[in-house]
Amino acid sequence: MEPRFLLLSDVATELNVSDSQVYHMVRSGELPAIKIGGRGQWRVERARLEEYIERKYAETAEWVRGNPLAEREPEER
């Protein structure tokens, strides 16, 4: 059984980004997280991470639709 909550380092591994990038995503509110314990350790619920990933897929698909690849003119020889 997978843990419900992930360390920021676990999230970084899942997303293949740096720990500092995940920290910034959490602190900016882009990725929902909670602080727990006396030292205020950040944790990201696995379900929230999956929702974040789905949201990013949707945002990327929207961006791709709005920014289609331009067909290049064939180069003349």
N, C-alpha and C. Protein backbone atom coordinates (compact mmCIF):
# COMPACT_ATOMS: atom_id res chain seq x y z
N MET A 1 0.84 -1.19 0.00
CA MET A 1 0.00 0.00 0.00
C MET A 1 0.88 1.25 0.00
N GLU A 2 0.59 2.16 -0.89
CA GLU A 2 1.36 3.40 -0.98
C GLU A 2 0.96 4.35 0.14
N PRO A 3 1.92 5.14 0.63
CA PRO A 3 1.59 6.10 1.69
C PRO A 3 0.65 7.18 1.17
N ARG A 4 -0.21 7.66 2.06
CA ARG A 4 -1.15 8.73 1.68
C ARG A 4 -0.43 10.04 1.46
N PHE A 5 0.57 10.32 2.31
CA PHE A 5 1.28 11.59 2.24
C PHE A 5 2.73 11.38 1.79
N LEU A 6 3.23 12.31 1.00
CA LEU A 6 4.57 12.23 0.45
C LEU A 6 5.43 13.38 0.98
N LEU A 7 6.70 13.10 1.16
CA LEU A 7 7.68 14.14 1.45
C LEU A 7 7.88 14.96 0.18
N LEU A 8 8.35 16.20 0.33
CA LEU A 8 8.61 17.00 -0.86
C LEU A 8 9.66 16.34 -1.75
N SER A 9 10.61 15.66 -1.14
CA SER A 9 11.63 14.96 -1.93
C SER A 9 11.01 13.82 -2.74
N ASP A 10 9.99 13.16 -2.18
CA ASP A 10 9.28 12.11 -2.92
C ASP A 10 8.54 12.70 -4.12
N VAL A 11 7.92 13.86 -3.91
CA VAL A 11 7.21 14.54 -4.99
C VAL A 11 8.20 14.95 -6.08
N ALA A 12 9.36 15.45 -5.67
CA ALA A 12 10.38 15.85 -6.63
C ALA A 12 10.81 14.66 -7.48
N THR A 13 10.96 13.51 -6.85
CA THR A 13 11.33 12.29 -7.58
C THR A 13 10.23 11.91 -8.56
N GLU A 14 8.99 11.95 -8.10
CA GLU A 14 7.85 11.60 -8.98
C GLU A 14 7.78 12.49 -10.20
N LEU A 15 8.03 13.79 -10.00
CA LEU A 15 7.91 14.76 -11.10
C LEU A 15 9.23 14.97 -11.86
N ASN A 16 10.29 14.35 -11.36
CA ASN A 16 11.62 14.49 -11.96
C ASN A 16 12.06 15.96 -12.02
N VAL A 17 11.88 16.64 -10.88
CA VAL A 17 12.31 18.02 -10.72
C VAL A 17 13.10 18.12 -9.42
N SER A 18 13.65 19.29 -9.13
CA SER A 18 14.43 19.46 -7.90
C SER A 18 13.52 19.65 -6.69
N ASP A 19 14.08 19.38 -5.53
CA ASP A 19 13.37 19.62 -4.28
C ASP A 19 12.96 21.09 -4.17
N SER A 20 13.86 21.99 -4.57
CA SER A 20 13.55 23.41 -4.46
C SER A 20 12.40 23.82 -5.39
N GLN A 21 12.27 23.18 -6.54
CA GLN A 21 11.14 23.47 -7.42
C GLN A 21 9.83 23.06 -6.76
N VAL A 22 9.82 21.91 -6.11
CA VAL A 22 8.61 21.45 -5.42
C VAL A 22 8.30 22.38 -4.27
N TYR A 23 9.30 22.79 -3.52
CA TYR A 23 9.09 23.71 -2.40
C TYR A 23 8.44 25.00 -2.91
N HIS A 24 8.93 25.52 -4.02
CA HIS A 24 8.36 26.74 -4.59
C HIS A 24 6.90 26.50 -5.03
N MET A 25 6.62 25.36 -5.62
CA MET A 25 5.25 25.04 -6.05
C MET A 25 4.31 24.99 -4.84
N VAL A 26 4.80 24.43 -3.74
CA VAL A 26 3.99 24.34 -2.52
C VAL A 26 3.80 25.72 -1.90
N ARG A 27 4.89 26.48 -1.75
CA ARG A 27 4.81 27.80 -1.11
C ARG A 27 3.98 28.78 -1.92
N SER A 28 3.96 28.63 -3.24
CA SER A 28 3.17 29.53 -4.09
C SER A 28 1.70 29.13 -4.14
N GLY A 29 1.38 27.94 -3.62
CA GLY A 29 0.01 27.46 -3.65
C GLY A 29 -0.35 26.69 -4.92
N GLU A 30 0.62 26.56 -5.81
CA GLU A 30 0.37 25.82 -7.06
C GLU A 30 0.07 24.35 -6.78
N LEU A 31 0.78 23.77 -5.81
CA LEU A 31 0.59 22.38 -5.42
C LEU A 31 0.13 22.36 -3.97
N PRO A 32 -1.11 21.92 -3.72
CA PRO A 32 -1.63 21.90 -2.34
C PRO A 32 -0.80 20.97 -1.44
N ALA A 33 -0.53 21.45 -0.24
CA ALA A 33 0.23 20.67 0.74
C ALA A 33 -0.19 21.11 2.14
N ILE A 34 0.26 20.34 3.12
CA ILE A 34 0.00 20.68 4.51
C ILE A 34 1.32 20.70 5.28
N LYS A 35 1.32 21.46 6.38
CA LYS A 35 2.46 21.47 7.29
C LYS A 35 2.04 20.69 8.53
N ILE A 36 2.88 19.77 8.95
CA ILE A 36 2.55 18.96 10.13
C ILE A 36 3.73 18.93 11.08
N GLY A 37 3.44 18.61 12.32
CA GLY A 37 4.48 18.45 13.32
C GLY A 37 4.99 19.78 13.86
N GLY A 38 5.75 19.68 14.93
CA GLY A 38 6.28 20.86 15.60
C GLY A 38 7.25 21.66 14.75
N ARG A 39 7.91 21.00 13.83
CA ARG A 39 8.88 21.68 12.97
C ARG A 39 8.26 22.10 11.64
N GLY A 40 6.97 21.86 11.46
CA GLY A 40 6.28 22.29 10.26
C GLY A 40 6.78 21.64 8.98
N GLN A 41 6.85 20.33 9.00
CA GLN A 41 7.29 19.58 7.82
C GLN A 41 6.18 19.55 6.78
N TRP A 42 6.53 19.83 5.52
CA TRP A 42 5.55 19.81 4.44
C TRP A 42 5.27 18.39 3.99
N ARG A 43 3.99 18.13 3.70
CA ARG A 43 3.56 16.86 3.14
C ARG A 43 2.55 17.13 2.04
N VAL A 44 2.63 16.33 0.99
CA VAL A 44 1.70 16.44 -0.13
C VAL A 44 0.91 15.14 -0.19
N GLU A 45 -0.40 15.27 -0.16
CA GLU A 45 -1.26 14.09 -0.25
C GLU A 45 -1.17 13.54 -1.67
N ARG A 46 -1.00 12.23 -1.77
CA ARG A 46 -0.85 11.59 -3.08
C ARG A 46 -2.01 11.96 -4.02
N ALA A 47 -3.23 12.00 -3.49
CA ALA A 47 -4.38 12.35 -4.33
C ALA A 47 -4.25 13.77 -4.88
N ARG A 48 -3.72 14.70 -4.08
CA ARG A 48 -3.53 16.08 -4.55
C ARG A 48 -2.44 16.14 -5.63
N LEU A 49 -1.41 15.31 -5.48
CA LEU A 49 -0.37 15.25 -6.51
C LEU A 49 -0.96 14.74 -7.82
N GLU A 50 -1.78 13.72 -7.76
CA GLU A 50 -2.40 13.18 -8.98
C GLU A 50 -3.32 14.22 -9.62
N GLU A 51 -4.07 14.97 -8.79
CA GLU A 51 -4.92 16.04 -9.32
C GLU A 51 -4.07 17.12 -9.99
N TYR A 52 -2.94 17.45 -9.37
CA TYR A 52 -2.03 18.45 -9.93
C TYR A 52 -1.52 17.99 -11.30
N ILE A 53 -1.13 16.74 -11.39
CA ILE A 53 -0.63 16.20 -12.66
C ILE A 53 -1.72 16.27 -13.73
N GLU A 54 -2.94 15.87 -13.38
CA GLU A 54 -4.05 15.94 -14.34
C GLU A 54 -4.31 17.37 -14.78
N ARG A 55 -4.25 18.30 -13.84
CA ARG A 55 -4.44 19.72 -14.16
C ARG A 55 -3.37 20.21 -15.12
N LYS A 56 -2.14 19.78 -14.91
CA LYS A 56 -1.03 20.18 -15.79
C LYS A 56 -1.21 19.59 -17.18
N TYR A 57 -1.71 18.35 -17.27
CA TYR A 57 -2.00 17.77 -18.59
C TYR A 57 -3.04 18.62 -19.31
N ALA A 58 -4.10 19.01 -18.60
CA ALA A 58 -5.16 19.82 -19.22
C ALA A 58 -4.62 21.19 -19.65
N GLU A 59 -3.82 21.83 -18.80
CA GLU A 59 -3.24 23.13 -19.14
C GLU A 59 -2.32 23.01 -20.36
N THR A 60 -1.54 21.95 -20.40
CA THR A 60 -0.63 21.74 -21.52
C THR A 60 -1.41 21.50 -22.81
N ALA A 61 -2.47 20.70 -22.74
CA ALA A 61 -3.29 20.43 -23.93
C ALA A 61 -3.91 21.72 -24.44
N GLU A 62 -4.38 22.57 -23.53
CA GLU A 62 -4.95 23.86 -23.92
C GLU A 62 -3.89 24.74 -24.58
N TRP A 63 -2.70 24.75 -24.02
CA TRP A 63 -1.61 25.54 -24.59
C TRP A 63 -1.26 25.04 -26.00
N VAL A 64 -1.21 23.73 -26.17
CA VAL A 64 -0.88 23.15 -27.47
C VAL A 64 -1.94 23.53 -28.51
N ARG A 65 -3.21 23.47 -28.10
CA ARG A 65 -4.28 23.87 -29.02
C ARG A 65 -4.15 25.33 -29.44
N GLY A 66 -3.73 26.17 -28.54
CA GLY A 66 -3.59 27.60 -28.84
C GLY A 66 -2.28 27.96 -29.51
N ASN A 67 -1.34 27.03 -29.54
CA ASN A 67 -0.02 27.29 -30.14
C ASN A 67 0.37 26.14 -31.05
N PRO A 68 -0.36 25.98 -32.16
CA PRO A 68 -0.05 24.84 -33.04
C PRO A 68 1.32 24.99 -33.68
N LEU A 69 1.89 23.86 -34.01
CA LEU A 69 3.16 23.87 -34.72
C LEU A 69 2.92 24.42 -36.12
N ALA A 70 3.71 25.36 -36.52
CA ALA A 70 3.57 25.93 -37.86
C ALA A 70 4.26 25.00 -38.85
N GLU A 71 3.60 24.78 -39.95
CA GLU A 71 4.21 23.98 -41.00
C GLU A 71 5.33 24.80 -41.63
N ARG A 72 6.46 24.20 -41.78
CA ARG A 72 7.58 24.90 -42.40
C ARG A 72 7.47 24.78 -43.91
N GLU A 73 7.83 25.84 -44.55
CA GLU A 73 7.89 25.83 -46.01
C GLU A 73 9.06 24.94 -46.42
N PRO A 74 8.87 24.11 -47.45
CA PRO A 74 9.99 23.29 -47.89
C PRO A 74 11.13 24.18 -48.40
N GLU A 75 12.32 23.80 -48.04
CA GLU A 75 13.48 24.58 -48.48
C GLU A 75 13.74 24.33 -49.95
N GLU A 76 14.03 25.41 -50.67
CA GLU A 76 14.35 25.28 -52.09
C GLU A 76 15.79 24.87 -52.24
N ARG A 77 16.05 24.09 -53.28
CA ARG A 77 17.42 23.65 -53.53
C ARG A 77 18.03 24.42 -54.64
